[in-house]
């Protein structure tokens, strides 16, 4: 996939109305009654299989397009890996 990538990962850092945007995004992404909440990172976090977000104070970090290479088993990254990625993103934010 290096020569002609077919996937992309978008990372947004939002500092304006972060709490409201977190709740809105989470509500839009939750298609079923299954919880998409993640624990162990930030003030609150979610992961629905392709999108992950973490709220920490007045900052929201959102990863869109989170998925393993095509044909991989399982088809979604385990929540533990997402928590690790979100923690790394928070550590790299400017204070």
N, C-alpha and C. Protein backbone atom coordinates (compact mmCIF):
# COMPACT_ATOMS: atom_id res chain seq x y z
N UNK A 1 0.80 -1.19 0.00
CA UNK A 1 0.00 0.00 0.00
C UNK A 1 0.85 1.26 0.00
N UNK A 2 2.13 1.15 -0.01
CA UNK A 2 2.98 2.34 0.04
C UNK A 2 2.90 3.12 -1.26
N UNK A 3 2.95 2.44 -2.40
CA UNK A 3 2.95 3.12 -3.69
C UNK A 3 1.59 3.74 -4.01
N UNK A 4 0.53 3.05 -3.72
CA UNK A 4 -0.82 3.54 -4.02
C UNK A 4 -1.74 3.23 -2.85
N UNK A 5 -1.65 4.02 -1.78
CA UNK A 5 -2.47 3.72 -0.59
C UNK A 5 -3.96 3.75 -0.90
N UNK A 6 -4.67 2.80 -0.32
CA UNK A 6 -6.11 2.72 -0.49
C UNK A 6 -6.85 3.10 0.78
N UNK A 7 -6.12 3.35 1.83
CA UNK A 7 -6.72 3.71 3.11
C UNK A 7 -6.14 5.03 3.57
N UNK A 8 -6.85 5.68 4.47
CA UNK A 8 -6.32 6.88 5.09
C UNK A 8 -6.82 6.98 6.52
N UNK A 9 -6.01 7.57 7.34
CA UNK A 9 -6.35 7.80 8.74
C UNK A 9 -6.37 9.30 8.95
N UNK A 10 -7.48 9.84 9.39
CA UNK A 10 -7.60 11.25 9.69
C UNK A 10 -7.54 11.44 11.20
N UNK A 11 -6.76 12.41 11.63
CA UNK A 11 -6.67 12.73 13.05
C UNK A 11 -7.04 14.19 13.23
N UNK A 12 -8.07 14.44 14.02
CA UNK A 12 -8.50 15.81 14.33
C UNK A 12 -8.29 16.08 15.80
N UNK A 13 -7.77 17.26 16.10
CA UNK A 13 -7.67 17.74 17.48
C UNK A 13 -8.58 18.95 17.57
N UNK A 14 -9.58 18.87 18.42
CA UNK A 14 -10.60 19.90 18.52
C UNK A 14 -10.53 20.53 19.91
N UNK A 15 -10.44 21.85 19.95
CA UNK A 15 -10.36 22.55 21.22
C UNK A 15 -11.56 23.46 21.47
N UNK A 16 -12.41 23.62 20.47
CA UNK A 16 -13.58 24.47 20.59
C UNK A 16 -14.81 23.62 20.86
N UNK A 17 -15.46 23.83 22.00
CA UNK A 17 -16.66 23.09 22.37
C UNK A 17 -16.43 21.57 22.31
N UNK A 18 -15.32 21.14 22.87
CA UNK A 18 -14.91 19.73 22.78
C UNK A 18 -15.94 18.78 23.38
N UNK A 19 -16.48 19.11 24.55
CA UNK A 19 -17.43 18.21 25.21
C UNK A 19 -18.69 18.04 24.36
N UNK A 20 -19.22 19.13 23.84
CA UNK A 20 -20.43 19.06 23.02
C UNK A 20 -20.16 18.25 21.74
N UNK A 21 -19.03 18.47 21.12
CA UNK A 21 -18.69 17.75 19.90
C UNK A 21 -18.45 16.27 20.16
N UNK A 22 -17.85 15.95 21.31
CA UNK A 22 -17.66 14.55 21.69
C UNK A 22 -19.01 13.84 21.79
N UNK A 23 -19.94 14.43 22.53
CA UNK A 23 -21.25 13.82 22.73
C UNK A 23 -22.00 13.68 21.41
N UNK A 24 -21.93 14.69 20.56
CA UNK A 24 -22.62 14.64 19.28
C UNK A 24 -22.04 13.54 18.39
N UNK A 25 -20.72 13.46 18.32
CA UNK A 25 -20.07 12.44 17.49
C UNK A 25 -20.41 11.04 17.99
N UNK A 26 -20.35 10.87 19.29
CA UNK A 26 -20.64 9.56 19.88
C UNK A 26 -22.08 9.14 19.58
N UNK A 27 -23.00 10.08 19.71
CA UNK A 27 -24.40 9.79 19.45
C UNK A 27 -24.62 9.39 17.98
N UNK A 28 -23.97 10.07 17.06
CA UNK A 28 -24.11 9.77 15.63
C UNK A 28 -23.51 8.43 15.26
N UNK A 29 -22.43 8.04 15.94
CA UNK A 29 -21.73 6.80 15.61
C UNK A 29 -22.35 5.56 16.22
N UNK A 30 -23.13 5.74 17.26
CA UNK A 30 -23.71 4.58 17.94
C UNK A 30 -24.97 4.15 17.20
N UNK A 31 -24.82 3.14 16.35
CA UNK A 31 -25.92 2.68 15.51
C UNK A 31 -26.81 1.64 16.20
N UNK A 32 -26.30 0.96 17.19
CA UNK A 32 -27.06 -0.09 17.87
C UNK A 32 -27.08 0.20 19.36
N UNK A 33 -27.66 -0.71 20.10
CA UNK A 33 -27.69 -0.58 21.56
C UNK A 33 -26.36 -0.98 22.19
N UNK A 34 -25.44 -1.53 21.40
CA UNK A 34 -24.14 -1.93 21.91
C UNK A 34 -23.32 -0.69 22.28
N UNK A 35 -22.74 -0.71 23.45
CA UNK A 35 -21.95 0.42 23.92
C UNK A 35 -20.67 0.56 23.10
N UNK A 36 -20.32 1.81 22.80
CA UNK A 36 -19.05 2.08 22.11
C UNK A 36 -18.08 2.80 23.04
N UNK A 37 -18.43 2.87 24.33
CA UNK A 37 -17.57 3.53 25.32
C UNK A 37 -16.28 2.76 25.52
N UNK A 38 -15.20 3.51 25.72
CA UNK A 38 -13.90 2.92 26.05
C UNK A 38 -13.48 3.45 27.41
N UNK A 39 -12.88 2.62 28.21
CA UNK A 39 -12.38 3.05 29.50
C UNK A 39 -10.86 3.09 29.51
N UNK A 40 -10.32 3.75 30.50
CA UNK A 40 -8.87 3.72 30.69
C UNK A 40 -8.10 4.80 29.96
N UNK A 41 -8.81 5.76 29.37
CA UNK A 41 -8.11 6.83 28.66
C UNK A 41 -8.94 8.11 28.73
N UNK A 42 -8.30 9.22 29.03
CA UNK A 42 -8.96 10.52 29.07
C UNK A 42 -10.14 10.57 30.02
N UNK A 43 -10.97 11.61 29.86
CA UNK A 43 -12.18 11.76 30.67
C UNK A 43 -13.29 10.85 30.17
N UNK A 44 -13.31 10.63 28.86
CA UNK A 44 -14.30 9.76 28.21
C UNK A 44 -13.76 9.41 26.84
N UNK A 45 -14.14 8.23 26.34
CA UNK A 45 -13.66 7.80 25.02
C UNK A 45 -14.66 6.85 24.39
N UNK A 46 -14.59 6.75 23.06
CA UNK A 46 -15.44 5.81 22.33
C UNK A 46 -14.67 5.20 21.17
N UNK A 47 -15.17 4.06 20.68
CA UNK A 47 -14.62 3.38 19.50
C UNK A 47 -15.73 2.53 18.91
N UNK A 48 -16.03 2.73 17.62
CA UNK A 48 -17.11 1.98 16.99
C UNK A 48 -16.62 1.00 15.93
N UNK A 49 -15.32 0.81 15.81
CA UNK A 49 -14.78 -0.11 14.82
C UNK A 49 -14.01 0.61 13.72
N UNK A 50 -14.41 1.85 13.41
CA UNK A 50 -13.68 2.63 12.39
C UNK A 50 -13.33 4.03 12.87
N UNK A 51 -13.99 4.50 13.93
CA UNK A 51 -13.74 5.84 14.44
C UNK A 51 -13.55 5.75 15.95
N UNK A 52 -12.56 6.50 16.45
CA UNK A 52 -12.29 6.54 17.88
C UNK A 52 -12.13 7.99 18.30
N UNK A 53 -12.56 8.29 19.51
CA UNK A 53 -12.40 9.64 20.03
C UNK A 53 -12.13 9.61 21.51
N UNK A 54 -11.39 10.60 21.97
CA UNK A 54 -11.11 10.71 23.40
C UNK A 54 -11.23 12.18 23.80
N UNK A 55 -11.93 12.40 24.90
CA UNK A 55 -12.10 13.73 25.47
C UNK A 55 -11.20 13.83 26.68
N UNK A 56 -10.39 14.86 26.71
CA UNK A 56 -9.50 15.09 27.84
C UNK A 56 -9.51 16.59 28.14
N UNK A 57 -10.18 16.95 29.24
CA UNK A 57 -10.31 18.37 29.56
C UNK A 57 -11.09 19.08 28.46
N UNK A 58 -10.48 20.10 27.89
CA UNK A 58 -11.12 20.88 26.83
C UNK A 58 -10.65 20.48 25.44
N UNK A 59 -10.07 19.29 25.32
CA UNK A 59 -9.56 18.83 24.02
C UNK A 59 -10.20 17.51 23.63
N UNK A 60 -10.50 17.39 22.36
CA UNK A 60 -11.06 16.18 21.79
C UNK A 60 -10.14 15.72 20.67
N UNK A 61 -9.71 14.48 20.72
CA UNK A 61 -8.91 13.88 19.65
C UNK A 61 -9.76 12.81 18.99
N UNK A 62 -9.90 12.89 17.66
CA UNK A 62 -10.72 11.95 16.91
C UNK A 62 -9.88 11.31 15.82
N UNK A 63 -9.91 9.97 15.77
CA UNK A 63 -9.28 9.20 14.68
C UNK A 63 -10.41 8.68 13.80
N UNK A 64 -10.37 8.97 12.52
CA UNK A 64 -11.34 8.45 11.56
C UNK A 64 -10.61 7.55 10.57
N UNK A 65 -11.23 6.45 10.22
CA UNK A 65 -10.60 5.52 9.27
C UNK A 65 -9.69 4.52 9.95
N UNK A 66 -9.96 4.24 11.23
CA UNK A 66 -9.15 3.30 12.00
C UNK A 66 -9.57 1.88 11.63
N UNK A 67 -8.72 1.18 10.91
CA UNK A 67 -9.00 -0.22 10.59
C UNK A 67 -7.74 -0.90 10.10
N UNK A 68 -7.66 -2.20 10.29
CA UNK A 68 -6.48 -2.94 9.82
C UNK A 68 -6.49 -3.07 8.29
N UNK A 69 -5.41 -3.54 7.71
CA UNK A 69 -5.36 -3.73 6.25
C UNK A 69 -6.48 -4.65 5.76
N UNK A 70 -6.93 -4.45 4.52
CA UNK A 70 -7.99 -5.31 3.97
C UNK A 70 -7.63 -6.79 4.06
N UNK A 71 -8.60 -7.59 4.40
CA UNK A 71 -8.40 -9.03 4.50
C UNK A 71 -7.88 -9.49 5.84
N UNK A 72 -7.57 -8.56 6.73
CA UNK A 72 -7.05 -8.92 8.05
C UNK A 72 -8.15 -9.54 8.90
N UNK A 73 -7.75 -10.43 9.77
CA UNK A 73 -8.67 -11.02 10.74
C UNK A 73 -8.13 -10.72 12.11
N UNK A 74 -8.87 -10.13 13.00
CA UNK A 74 -10.24 -9.68 12.84
C UNK A 74 -10.31 -8.42 11.99
N UNK A 75 -11.52 -8.05 11.59
CA UNK A 75 -11.70 -6.91 10.70
C UNK A 75 -11.62 -5.57 11.44
N UNK A 76 -11.62 -5.60 12.77
CA UNK A 76 -11.50 -4.38 13.57
C UNK A 76 -10.34 -4.53 14.56
N UNK A 77 -9.71 -3.41 14.86
CA UNK A 77 -8.65 -3.44 15.88
C UNK A 77 -9.28 -3.66 17.25
N UNK A 78 -8.60 -4.41 18.12
CA UNK A 78 -9.15 -4.62 19.46
C UNK A 78 -9.16 -3.31 20.25
N UNK A 79 -10.14 -3.13 21.13
CA UNK A 79 -10.23 -1.90 21.93
C UNK A 79 -8.96 -1.58 22.70
N UNK A 80 -8.22 -2.60 23.14
CA UNK A 80 -6.98 -2.35 23.90
C UNK A 80 -5.97 -1.59 23.04
N UNK A 81 -5.88 -1.92 21.76
CA UNK A 81 -4.97 -1.20 20.87
C UNK A 81 -5.41 0.24 20.66
N UNK A 82 -6.71 0.45 20.57
CA UNK A 82 -7.25 1.80 20.40
C UNK A 82 -6.95 2.65 21.63
N UNK A 83 -7.11 2.07 22.82
CA UNK A 83 -6.79 2.80 24.05
C UNK A 83 -5.32 3.21 24.04
N UNK A 84 -4.44 2.32 23.63
CA UNK A 84 -3.00 2.63 23.56
C UNK A 84 -2.75 3.78 22.57
N UNK A 85 -3.39 3.74 21.41
CA UNK A 85 -3.23 4.81 20.42
C UNK A 85 -3.75 6.14 20.94
N UNK A 86 -4.91 6.12 21.58
CA UNK A 86 -5.48 7.36 22.11
C UNK A 86 -4.61 7.95 23.22
N UNK A 87 -4.07 7.09 24.08
CA UNK A 87 -3.17 7.57 25.13
C UNK A 87 -1.93 8.23 24.53
N UNK A 88 -1.37 7.60 23.49
CA UNK A 88 -0.19 8.16 22.82
C UNK A 88 -0.52 9.52 22.20
N UNK A 89 -1.70 9.64 21.61
CA UNK A 89 -2.10 10.92 21.01
C UNK A 89 -2.22 12.01 22.08
N UNK A 90 -2.83 11.67 23.21
CA UNK A 90 -2.97 12.66 24.29
C UNK A 90 -1.62 13.10 24.84
N UNK A 91 -0.68 12.17 24.95
CA UNK A 91 0.65 12.50 25.47
C UNK A 91 1.39 13.47 24.56
N UNK A 92 1.08 13.44 23.27
CA UNK A 92 1.79 14.27 22.30
C UNK A 92 1.15 15.64 22.08
N UNK A 93 -0.01 15.87 22.69
CA UNK A 93 -0.66 17.18 22.54
C UNK A 93 0.14 18.24 23.27
N UNK A 94 0.20 19.44 22.70
CA UNK A 94 0.86 20.54 23.42
C UNK A 94 0.07 20.88 24.69
N UNK A 95 0.78 21.22 25.72
CA UNK A 95 0.14 21.55 27.01
C UNK A 95 -0.43 22.95 26.99
